[in-house]
Protein backbone atom coordinates (compact mmCIF):
# COMPACT_ATOMS: atom_id res chain seq x y z
CA MET A 1 0.12 -0.01 -0.02
CA PRO A 2 1.37 3.44 -0.78
CA LEU A 3 2.53 5.54 2.00
CA SER A 4 0.13 8.20 1.40
CA THR A 5 -2.75 5.82 1.44
CA TRP A 6 -1.56 4.32 4.75
CA ARG A 7 -1.40 7.84 6.14
CA LEU A 8 -4.86 8.80 4.89
CA LEU A 9 -6.21 5.67 6.48
CA THR A 10 -4.46 6.06 9.92
CA ASP A 11 -5.87 9.67 10.08
CA LYS A 12 -9.07 8.98 12.29
CA ALA A 13 -11.12 11.80 10.76
CA ALA A 14 -10.22 10.97 7.26
CA ALA A 15 -10.92 7.26 7.99
CA ALA A 16 -14.21 8.03 9.41
CA ARG A 17 -15.32 10.06 6.31
CA LEU A 18 -14.03 7.23 4.10
CA ARG A 19 -16.34 4.52 6.18
CA ARG A 20 -19.23 7.00 5.91
CA CYS A 21 -18.60 6.82 2.13
CA GLY A 22 -18.86 3.13 2.02
CA LEU A 23 -15.21 2.04 2.66
CA ARG A 24 -15.21 -1.25 4.49
CA SER A 25 -12.64 -2.50 6.95
CA TRP A 26 -11.39 -6.03 7.56
CA GLU A 27 -11.61 -5.44 11.18
CA ASP A 28 -15.31 -4.53 11.03
CA PRO A 29 -17.39 -7.58 12.06
CA ARG A 30 -20.28 -6.45 9.65
CA HIS A 31 -17.88 -7.02 6.67
CA ALA A 32 -16.54 -10.30 7.88
CA GLY A 33 -18.14 -12.37 4.97
CA ALA A 34 -16.75 -9.99 2.26
CA ALA A 35 -13.34 -10.18 3.94
CA VAL A 36 -13.25 -13.98 3.89
CA LYS A 37 -14.42 -14.09 0.31
CA HIS A 38 -12.01 -11.31 -0.88
CA LEU A 39 -8.93 -12.62 0.95
CA GLY A 40 -9.55 -16.08 -0.68
CA GLU A 41 -9.64 -14.37 -4.01
CA ILE A 42 -6.65 -12.33 -3.28
CA LEU A 43 -4.53 -15.55 -2.36
CA HIS A 44 -5.93 -17.47 -5.29
CA ARG A 45 -4.57 -14.84 -7.65
CA GLY A 46 -1.27 -15.04 -6.18
CA ASP A 47 -1.26 -11.45 -4.76
CA VAL A 48 -0.01 -12.28 -1.22
CA PRO A 49 3.78 -12.23 -0.87
CA ALA A 50 5.32 -14.91 1.30
CA HIS A 51 6.71 -12.28 3.77
CA LEU A 52 3.03 -11.23 4.44
CA SER A 53 1.70 -14.72 4.81
CA VAL A 54 1.60 -14.61 8.73
CA SER A 55 -0.31 -11.27 8.74
CA PHE A 56 -2.58 -12.55 6.01
CA LYS A 57 -3.51 -15.73 8.14
CA ARG A 58 -4.13 -13.76 11.19
CA HIS A 59 -6.55 -11.23 9.22
CA TYR A 60 -8.26 -14.35 7.52
CA GLY A 61 -8.71 -16.11 10.89
CA ARG A 62 -10.13 -13.10 12.52
CA ALA A 63 -12.61 -12.55 9.75
CA TRP A 64 -13.73 -16.11 10.19
CA SER A 65 -14.23 -15.48 13.82
CA HIS A 66 -16.35 -12.59 13.30
CA LEU A 67 -18.30 -14.61 10.61
CA ALA A 68 -18.90 -17.38 13.15
CA GLN A 69 -20.44 -14.82 15.58
CA ASN A 70 -22.95 -13.49 13.08
CA THR A 71 -23.45 -16.78 11.26
CA ARG A 72 -24.10 -15.34 7.90
CA TRP A 73 -22.82 -17.44 5.11
CA PRO A 74 -20.97 -15.20 2.59
CA TRP A 75 -21.56 -17.19 -0.42
CA LEU A 76 -24.68 -17.11 -2.51
CA THR A 77 -26.14 -20.51 -3.48
CA GLY A 78 -24.28 -21.72 -6.58
CA GLU A 79 -21.43 -19.33 -6.13
CA GLU A 80 -17.99 -21.04 -6.00
CA VAL A 81 -16.67 -21.46 -2.57
CA ARG A 82 -13.01 -20.75 -2.16
CA LEU A 83 -11.42 -21.15 1.20
CA VAL A 84 -7.88 -20.41 2.57
CA VAL A 85 -6.44 -23.54 3.97
CA SER A 86 -2.95 -24.67 4.93
CA ARG A 87 -1.69 -27.84 3.56
CA GLY A 88 1.68 -29.24 4.38
CA ASN A 89 2.77 -25.73 5.69
CA VAL A 90 1.85 -24.03 2.36
CA LEU A 91 -0.72 -21.45 2.33
CA GLY A 92 -3.33 -21.90 -0.41
CA THR A 93 -6.75 -21.95 -1.57
CA PHE A 94 -9.32 -24.93 -1.57
CA VAL A 95 -12.62 -25.30 -3.62
CA PRO A 96 -14.54 -27.80 -1.80
CA THR A 97 -16.80 -28.87 -4.88
CA ALA A 98 -13.41 -29.48 -6.89
CA GLU A 99 -11.82 -31.89 -4.42
CA ASP A 100 -13.30 -35.01 -2.99
CA VAL A 101 -11.99 -34.36 0.47
CA PRO A 102 -13.42 -32.64 3.52
CA VAL A 103 -11.70 -29.60 4.84
CA HIS A 104 -10.52 -29.91 8.42
CA VAL A 105 -11.59 -27.36 11.01
CA CYS A 106 -9.71 -26.79 14.13
CA ASP A 107 -12.36 -26.81 16.95
CA GLY A 108 -10.05 -27.33 19.89
CA GLN A 109 -6.58 -26.41 21.21
CA ALA A 110 -4.49 -29.44 19.86
CA PRO A 111 -1.62 -27.79 18.03
CA LEU A 112 0.37 -31.07 17.64
CA LYS A 113 -2.67 -32.99 16.11
CA GLU A 114 -3.19 -29.88 13.81
CA ALA A 115 0.35 -30.07 12.88
CA LEU A 116 0.33 -33.65 12.01
CA VAL A 117 -2.97 -33.44 9.98
CA GLU A 118 -1.51 -30.60 8.03
CA LEU A 119 1.92 -32.16 7.38
CA ALA A 120 -0.10 -35.25 6.18
CA GLY A 121 -1.29 -32.92 3.44
CA HIS A 122 -4.81 -32.45 4.60
CA PRO A 123 -6.51 -28.99 3.93
CA ILE A 124 -6.98 -27.29 7.32
CA LEU A 125 -9.07 -24.02 7.18
CA VAL A 126 -7.25 -21.05 8.31
CA ALA A 127 -9.41 -20.07 11.40
CA GLY A 128 -9.14 -19.98 15.12
CA PRO A 129 -10.24 -23.02 17.05
CA GLU A 130 -12.33 -20.79 19.13
CA SER A 131 -14.74 -20.54 16.05
CA GLY A 132 -14.49 -24.26 15.06
CA ASP A 133 -18.04 -25.42 16.09
CA ALA A 134 -19.80 -22.53 14.58
CA ILE A 135 -17.77 -22.72 11.38
CA VAL A 136 -18.63 -26.48 11.07
CA GLU A 137 -22.33 -25.99 11.49
CA MET A 138 -22.35 -23.12 8.82
CA ALA A 139 -20.19 -25.16 6.55
CA ASP A 140 -22.18 -28.38 6.89
CA ALA A 141 -25.54 -26.42 6.55
CA HIS A 142 -24.15 -25.21 3.01
CA GLY A 143 -23.07 -28.62 1.82
CA ILE A 144 -19.28 -28.20 2.71
CA ARG A 145 -17.75 -31.39 3.71
CA THR A 146 -16.00 -30.74 7.16
CA LEU A 147 -13.92 -32.73 9.38
CA ARG A 148 -13.18 -31.49 13.05
CA THR A 149 -9.72 -31.97 14.20
CA SER A 150 -11.06 -33.19 17.56
CA ALA A 151 -12.60 -35.96 15.74
CA THR A 152 -9.80 -36.74 13.52
CA ASP A 153 -7.88 -39.96 14.34
CA VAL A 154 -4.13 -39.38 14.07
CA GLN A 155 -1.64 -42.21 13.74
CA VAL A 156 2.12 -42.19 13.60
CA ARG A 157 3.35 -45.17 11.40
CA ASP A 158 7.04 -46.63 11.05
CA ARG A 159 8.55 -47.04 7.55
CA ASP A 160 6.85 -50.15 7.23
CA GLY A 161 3.44 -48.81 7.69
CA GLU A 162 2.90 -50.38 11.07
CA PRO A 163 1.37 -47.95 13.85
CA ILE A 164 3.59 -46.75 16.48
CA THR A 165 1.77 -47.14 19.63
CA PRO A 166 2.99 -45.85 22.97
CA THR A 167 3.09 -48.65 25.53
CA GLY A 168 5.66 -47.51 28.18
CA HIS A 169 7.79 -50.57 27.66
CA ALA A 170 10.43 -48.82 25.49
CA ASP A 171 13.15 -46.41 26.46
CA THR A 172 12.47 -42.83 26.55
CA LEU A 173 13.32 -41.12 23.40
CA VAL A 174 15.20 -38.38 25.23
CA ASP A 175 17.10 -40.54 27.70
CA GLY A 176 20.74 -39.90 26.98
CA ARG A 177 19.60 -37.51 24.11
CA GLU A 178 19.53 -34.17 25.98
CA TRP A 179 20.42 -32.45 22.74
CA LEU A 180 17.00 -33.55 21.12
CA VAL A 181 14.98 -31.64 23.88
CA THR A 182 17.09 -28.46 22.85
CA VAL A 183 16.48 -28.97 19.19
CA VAL A 184 12.88 -29.78 19.48
CA ALA A 185 12.06 -27.04 22.03
């Protein structure tokens, strides 16, 4: 954004006049649906530089939080739904009707489970877990297949495909490997 525009928008009086003329703000809960749709289109066009992806995710997640509070579905019937998801630590868009997989929605504080699901290549909606229940209800009501991360069964398997199940009978991973705790932490 040009510096002159930024200065104009940070001037409270000028920003108030612009809002009265119809300027919408991503932070305004009344415009959350438009923000969710518009941010998805911006990312789809490739207009989000990598260095702004964290800020982009924060704005998109906040828009979903606002949208979950007012429960207004932003897409019209028959309109293509384009969601912002994270897959394998890569930010991208997801069109539910184009892919025969559900979109994962975080509905609880389980960052390890979320990270494992994401690293497995499943699409995880960029939204806060506090809004997960409302988002799932809205999406399901509009024919979008969802899967809650709380209901997702995550298994870790060895290279032969056998599940690794903690039993308490094996040596602790970090015994004698204090450097591993440092690397992981």
